[in-house]
Amino acid sequence: MTRDPGSTGDRVHILRPHRPLGHDVEERLRSDLGRCPDVAFAHLADVVVPGEQGAPEPALFVWLRPEGLRSVRSALNLVSEAVSRSLPDDRYLDVVILNSAPELLDEIERRGVLIVECDATERRRAREALSDLEGYAPLPPRRRWWWPF
C-alpha cells in the first residue's frame, strides 16, 4: 500500500492551499495572528477528511505557547477574532489548536505552509519533542472491567 504524500493515515490529508486567500488577506491574517499573545506559530493548509468531504477545505493550525494552554478558550477566542477580522465575508477557516493534535505537526511542517512564527524557540521545542516521540507506539487503550451486580 502506498501512502499519499499529504496523508496522515486514513484520518486526514494535509495539502498546500489550492485556492489561496490572496496576498492582502494573508498579510492581514499574519499581522492579526502576530498580535495574539498566546500564538507561537501557525500554519495555513488545506485539509481533506476521507469519507467526510470531497474537496479540500482551508484550516488554520495554531500552536499555542505553554502559558496560552492555561486558558485555551481565551486563546482560541483571540485567534478566532483575528481570523474573523482578516477574512472576507465569503471565506472561512477551520481553526485547530495543534497542541491538541501534535501528531499532525510533522506532516504540516513538511507542506511548507507556515504563515506566522511569533516564537521560533517554541516551534523548535515542539518539533524536537515530536522527534523524541518517533518510533514509540502509543499505549493500547486500557480495558475497562465491568463487574456484574
C-alpha atoms as a PDB file:
ATOM      1  CA  MET A   1       0.000   0.000   0.000  1.00  0.00           C
ATOM      2  CA  THR A   2       1.443   3.369  -0.964  1.00  0.00           C
ATOM      3  CA  ARG A   3       0.934   6.371   1.192  1.00  0.00           C
ATOM      4  CA  ASP A   4      -0.267   9.697  -0.174  1.00  0.00           C
ATOM      5  CA  PRO A   5       2.403  12.352   0.482  1.00  0.00           C
ATOM      6  CA  GLY A   6      -0.224  14.582   2.091  1.00  0.00           C
ATOM      7  CA  SER A   7      -1.703  11.894   4.280  1.00  0.00           C
ATOM      8  CA  THR A   8      -1.622  11.230   7.988  1.00  0.00           C
ATOM      9  CA  GLY A   9      -3.062   7.750   7.766  1.00  0.00           C
ATOM     10  CA  ASP A  10      -6.728   7.431   6.862  1.00  0.00           C
ATOM     11  CA  ARG A  11      -7.777  10.290   9.140  1.00  0.00           C
ATOM     12  CA  VAL A  12      -6.800  13.447   7.345  1.00  0.00           C
ATOM     13  CA  HIS A  13      -4.922  14.635   4.256  1.00  0.00           C
ATOM     14  CA  ILE A  14      -2.987  17.870   4.617  1.00  0.00           C
ATOM     15  CA  LEU A  15      -2.209  19.758   1.430  1.00  0.00           C
ATOM     16  CA  ARG A  16      -0.816  23.071   0.280  1.00  0.00           C
ATOM     17  CA  PRO A  17      -3.697  25.539  -0.254  1.00  0.00           C
ATOM     18  CA  HIS A  18      -5.246  25.077  -3.690  1.00  0.00           C
ATOM     19  CA  ARG A  19      -7.198  28.347  -3.501  1.00  0.00           C
ATOM     20  CA  PRO A  20      -5.004  30.989  -1.835  1.00  0.00           C
ATOM     21  CA  LEU A  21      -6.684  33.630   0.292  1.00  0.00           C
ATOM     22  CA  GLY A  22      -4.895  36.404  -1.559  1.00  0.00           C
ATOM     23  CA  HIS A  23      -1.860  38.452  -0.613  1.00  0.00           C
ATOM     24  CA  ASP A  24      -3.749  41.225   1.245  1.00  0.00           C
ATOM     25  CA  VAL A  25      -5.865  38.772   3.231  1.00  0.00           C
ATOM     26  CA  GLU A  26      -2.843  36.658   4.185  1.00  0.00           C
ATOM     27  CA  GLU A  27      -0.912  39.759   5.264  1.00  0.00           C
ATOM     28  CA  ARG A  28      -3.832  40.862   7.488  1.00  0.00           C
ATOM     29  CA  LEU A  29      -4.049  37.341   8.915  1.00  0.00           C
ATOM     30  CA  ARG A  30      -0.300  37.278   9.625  1.00  0.00           C
ATOM     31  CA  SER A  31      -0.471  40.671  11.273  1.00  0.00           C
ATOM     32  CA  ASP A  32      -3.535  39.864  13.384  1.00  0.00           C
ATOM     33  CA  LEU A  33      -2.201  36.454  14.461  1.00  0.00           C
ATOM     34  CA  GLY A  34       1.141  38.036  15.279  1.00  0.00           C
ATOM     35  CA  ARG A  35      -0.621  40.260  17.820  1.00  0.00           C
ATOM     36  CA  CYS A  36      -2.228  37.303  19.613  1.00  0.00           C
ATOM     37  CA  PRO A  37      -0.087  36.880  22.739  1.00  0.00           C
ATOM     38  CA  ASP A  38      -0.589  33.116  23.015  1.00  0.00           C
ATOM     39  CA  VAL A  39       0.249  32.169  19.409  1.00  0.00           C
ATOM     40  CA  ALA A  40       3.695  30.612  18.961  1.00  0.00           C
ATOM     41  CA  PHE A  41       3.252  29.760  15.275  1.00  0.00           C
ATOM     42  CA  ALA A  42       0.541  28.902  12.790  1.00  0.00           C
ATOM     43  CA  HIS A  43       0.179  27.026   9.511  1.00  0.00           C
ATOM     44  CA  LEU A  44      -2.417  27.617   6.818  1.00  0.00           C
ATOM     45  CA  ALA A  45      -3.196  24.439   4.873  1.00  0.00           C
ATOM     46  CA  ASP A  46      -5.962  22.650   3.047  1.00  0.00           C
ATOM     47  CA  VAL A  47      -7.448  19.571   4.672  1.00  0.00           C
ATOM     48  CA  VAL A  48      -9.436  16.636   3.351  1.00  0.00           C
ATOM     49  CA  VAL A  49     -11.044  14.166   5.727  1.00  0.00           C
ATOM     50  CA  PRO A  50     -11.680  10.970   3.730  1.00  0.00           C
ATOM     51  CA  GLY A  51     -15.309   9.927   3.741  1.00  0.00           C
ATOM     52  CA  GLU A  52     -16.401  13.262   5.193  1.00  0.00           C
ATOM     53  CA  GLN A  53     -15.687  15.732   2.408  1.00  0.00           C
ATOM     54  CA  GLY A  54     -14.712  15.590  -1.227  1.00  0.00           C
ATOM     55  CA  ALA A  55     -12.912  18.880  -1.758  1.00  0.00           C
ATOM     56  CA  PRO A  56     -10.101  20.355   0.312  1.00  0.00           C
ATOM     57  CA  GLU A  57     -11.115  22.973   2.877  1.00  0.00           C
ATOM     58  CA  PRO A  58      -8.796  25.570   4.413  1.00  0.00           C
ATOM     59  CA  ALA A  59      -7.677  25.186   8.006  1.00  0.00           C
ATOM     60  CA  LEU A  60      -5.503  27.218  10.306  1.00  0.00           C
ATOM     61  CA  PHE A  61      -3.335  25.070  12.584  1.00  0.00           C
ATOM     62  CA  VAL A  62      -2.238  27.127  15.582  1.00  0.00           C
ATOM     63  CA  TRP A  63       0.397  26.101  18.140  1.00  0.00           C
ATOM     64  CA  LEU A  64      -0.053  27.921  21.447  1.00  0.00           C
ATOM     65  CA  ARG A  65       2.707  28.940  23.797  1.00  0.00           C
ATOM     66  CA  PRO A  66       2.684  26.947  27.058  1.00  0.00           C
ATOM     67  CA  GLU A  67       1.186  29.849  29.015  1.00  0.00           C
ATOM     68  CA  GLY A  68      -1.662  30.012  26.477  1.00  0.00           C
ATOM     69  CA  LEU A  69      -2.627  26.453  27.311  1.00  0.00           C
ATOM     70  CA  ARG A  70      -3.746  27.570  30.759  1.00  0.00           C
ATOM     71  CA  SER A  71      -6.729  29.238  29.126  1.00  0.00           C
ATOM     72  CA  VAL A  72      -7.309  27.575  25.771  1.00  0.00           C
ATOM     73  CA  ARG A  73     -10.779  29.088  25.463  1.00  0.00           C
ATOM     74  CA  SER A  74      -9.406  32.628  25.778  1.00  0.00           C
ATOM     75  CA  ALA A  75      -6.573  31.897  23.330  1.00  0.00           C
ATOM     76  CA  LEU A  76      -8.982  30.336  20.831  1.00  0.00           C
ATOM     77  CA  ASN A  77     -11.310  33.331  21.133  1.00  0.00           C
ATOM     78  CA  LEU A  78      -8.452  35.714  20.308  1.00  0.00           C
ATOM     79  CA  VAL A  79      -7.342  33.609  17.343  1.00  0.00           C
ATOM     80  CA  SER A  80     -10.936  33.350  16.085  1.00  0.00           C
ATOM     81  CA  GLU A  81     -11.342  37.114  16.318  1.00  0.00           C
ATOM     82  CA  ALA A  82      -8.113  37.617  14.359  1.00  0.00           C
ATOM     83  CA  VAL A  83      -9.314  35.224  11.661  1.00  0.00           C
ATOM     84  CA  SER A  84     -12.716  36.898  11.509  1.00  0.00           C
ATOM     85  CA  ARG A  85     -11.180  40.368  11.107  1.00  0.00           C
ATOM     86  CA  SER A  86      -8.808  39.154   8.396  1.00  0.00           C
ATOM     87  CA  LEU A  87     -11.099  37.189   6.107  1.00  0.00           C
ATOM     88  CA  PRO A  88     -13.666  38.484   3.625  1.00  0.00           C
ATOM     89  CA  ASP A  89     -17.270  37.560   4.423  1.00  0.00           C
ATOM     90  CA  ASP A  90     -17.364  34.821   1.766  1.00  0.00           C
ATOM     91  CA  ARG A  91     -14.354  32.874   3.158  1.00  0.00           C
ATOM     92  CA  TYR A  92     -13.866  30.875   6.326  1.00  0.00           C
ATOM     93  CA  LEU A  93     -11.181  28.838   8.038  1.00  0.00           C
ATOM     94  CA  ASP A  94     -11.430  25.993  10.469  1.00  0.00           C
ATOM     95  CA  VAL A  95      -9.136  26.688  13.420  1.00  0.00           C
ATOM     96  CA  VAL A  96      -7.311  23.757  15.000  1.00  0.00           C
ATOM     97  CA  ILE A  97      -5.269  24.078  18.178  1.00  0.00           C
ATOM     98  CA  LEU A  98      -2.322  21.986  17.080  1.00  0.00           C
ATOM     99  CA  ASN A  99      -1.143  21.356  20.650  1.00  0.00           C
ATOM    100  CA  SER A 100      -4.177  19.045  20.926  1.00  0.00           C
ATOM    101  CA  ALA A 101      -3.113  17.059  17.852  1.00  0.00           C
ATOM    102  CA  PRO A 102       0.707  17.202  17.854  1.00  0.00           C
ATOM    103  CA  GLU A 103       0.899  14.080  15.691  1.00  0.00           C
ATOM    104  CA  LEU A 104      -0.120  16.324  12.755  1.00  0.00           C
ATOM    105  CA  LEU A 105       2.794  18.722  13.233  1.00  0.00           C
ATOM    106  CA  ASP A 106       5.363  16.776  11.215  1.00  0.00           C
ATOM    107  CA  GLU A 107       3.023  16.385   8.236  1.00  0.00           C
ATOM    108  CA  ILE A 108       2.052  20.058   8.343  1.00  0.00           C
ATOM    109  CA  GLU A 109       5.678  21.187   8.609  1.00  0.00           C
ATOM    110  CA  ARG A 110       6.544  19.115   5.515  1.00  0.00           C
ATOM    111  CA  ARG A 111       3.927  21.015   3.495  1.00  0.00           C
ATOM    112  CA  GLY A 112       5.785  24.311   3.974  1.00  0.00           C
ATOM    113  CA  VAL A 113       2.626  26.239   4.875  1.00  0.00           C
ATOM    114  CA  LEU A 114       3.885  28.281   7.832  1.00  0.00           C
ATOM    115  CA  ILE A 115       2.009  31.578   7.873  1.00  0.00           C
ATOM    116  CA  VAL A 116       3.300  33.135  11.092  1.00  0.00           C
ATOM    117  CA  GLU A 117       6.065  32.389  13.584  1.00  0.00           C
ATOM    118  CA  CYS A 118       5.945  34.520  16.729  1.00  0.00           C
ATOM    119  CA  ASP A 119       8.136  32.256  18.846  1.00  0.00           C
ATOM    120  CA  ALA A 120      10.885  30.385  16.969  1.00  0.00           C
ATOM    121  CA  THR A 121      12.119  28.789  20.192  1.00  0.00           C
ATOM    122  CA  GLU A 122       8.707  27.241  20.923  1.00  0.00           C
ATOM    123  CA  ARG A 123       8.445  25.978  17.337  1.00  0.00           C
ATOM    124  CA  ARG A 124      11.858  24.336  17.600  1.00  0.00           C
ATOM    125  CA  ARG A 125      10.930  22.854  21.006  1.00  0.00           C
ATOM    126  CA  ALA A 126       7.674  21.441  19.588  1.00  0.00           C
ATOM    127  CA  ARG A 127       9.487  19.849  16.652  1.00  0.00           C
ATOM    128  CA  GLU A 128      12.174  18.375  18.925  1.00  0.00           C
ATOM    129  CA  ALA A 129       9.546  16.950  21.281  1.00  0.00           C
ATOM    130  CA  LEU A 130       7.811  15.332  18.323  1.00  0.00           C
ATOM    131  CA  SER A 131      11.029  13.785  17.019  1.00  0.00           C
ATOM    132  CA  ASP A 132      11.712  12.380  20.506  1.00  0.00           C
ATOM    133  CA  LEU A 133       8.411  10.501  20.275  1.00  0.00           C
ATOM    134  CA  GLU A 134       9.014   8.983  16.819  1.00  0.00           C
ATOM    135  CA  GLY A 135       9.253   5.240  16.946  1.00  0.00           C
ATOM    136  CA  TYR A 136       7.227   4.936  20.116  1.00  0.00           C
ATOM    137  CA  ALA A 137       3.909   3.212  19.716  1.00  0.00           C
ATOM    138  CA  PRO A 138       1.051   4.660  21.712  1.00  0.00           C
ATOM    139  CA  LEU A 139      -0.095   2.614  24.663  1.00  0.00           C
ATOM    140  CA  PRO A 140      -3.067   0.391  23.901  1.00  0.00           C
ATOM    141  CA  PRO A 141      -6.340   1.589  25.391  1.00  0.00           C
ATOM    142  CA  ARG A 142      -6.938   0.323  28.876  1.00  0.00           C
ATOM    143  CA  ARG A 143      -9.555  -2.339  29.118  1.00  0.00           C
ATOM    144  CA  ARG A 144     -12.478  -1.479  31.337  1.00  0.00           C
ATOM    145  CA  TRP A 145     -13.654  -4.091  33.698  1.00  0.00           C
ATOM    146  CA  TRP A 146     -17.360  -4.363  34.228  1.00  0.00           C
ATOM    147  CA  TRP A 147     -18.425  -6.126  37.328  1.00  0.00           C
ATOM    148  CA  PRO A 148     -21.790  -7.872  37.368  1.00  0.00           C
ATOM    149  CA  PHE A 149     -24.164  -6.783  40.102  1.00  0.00           C
END
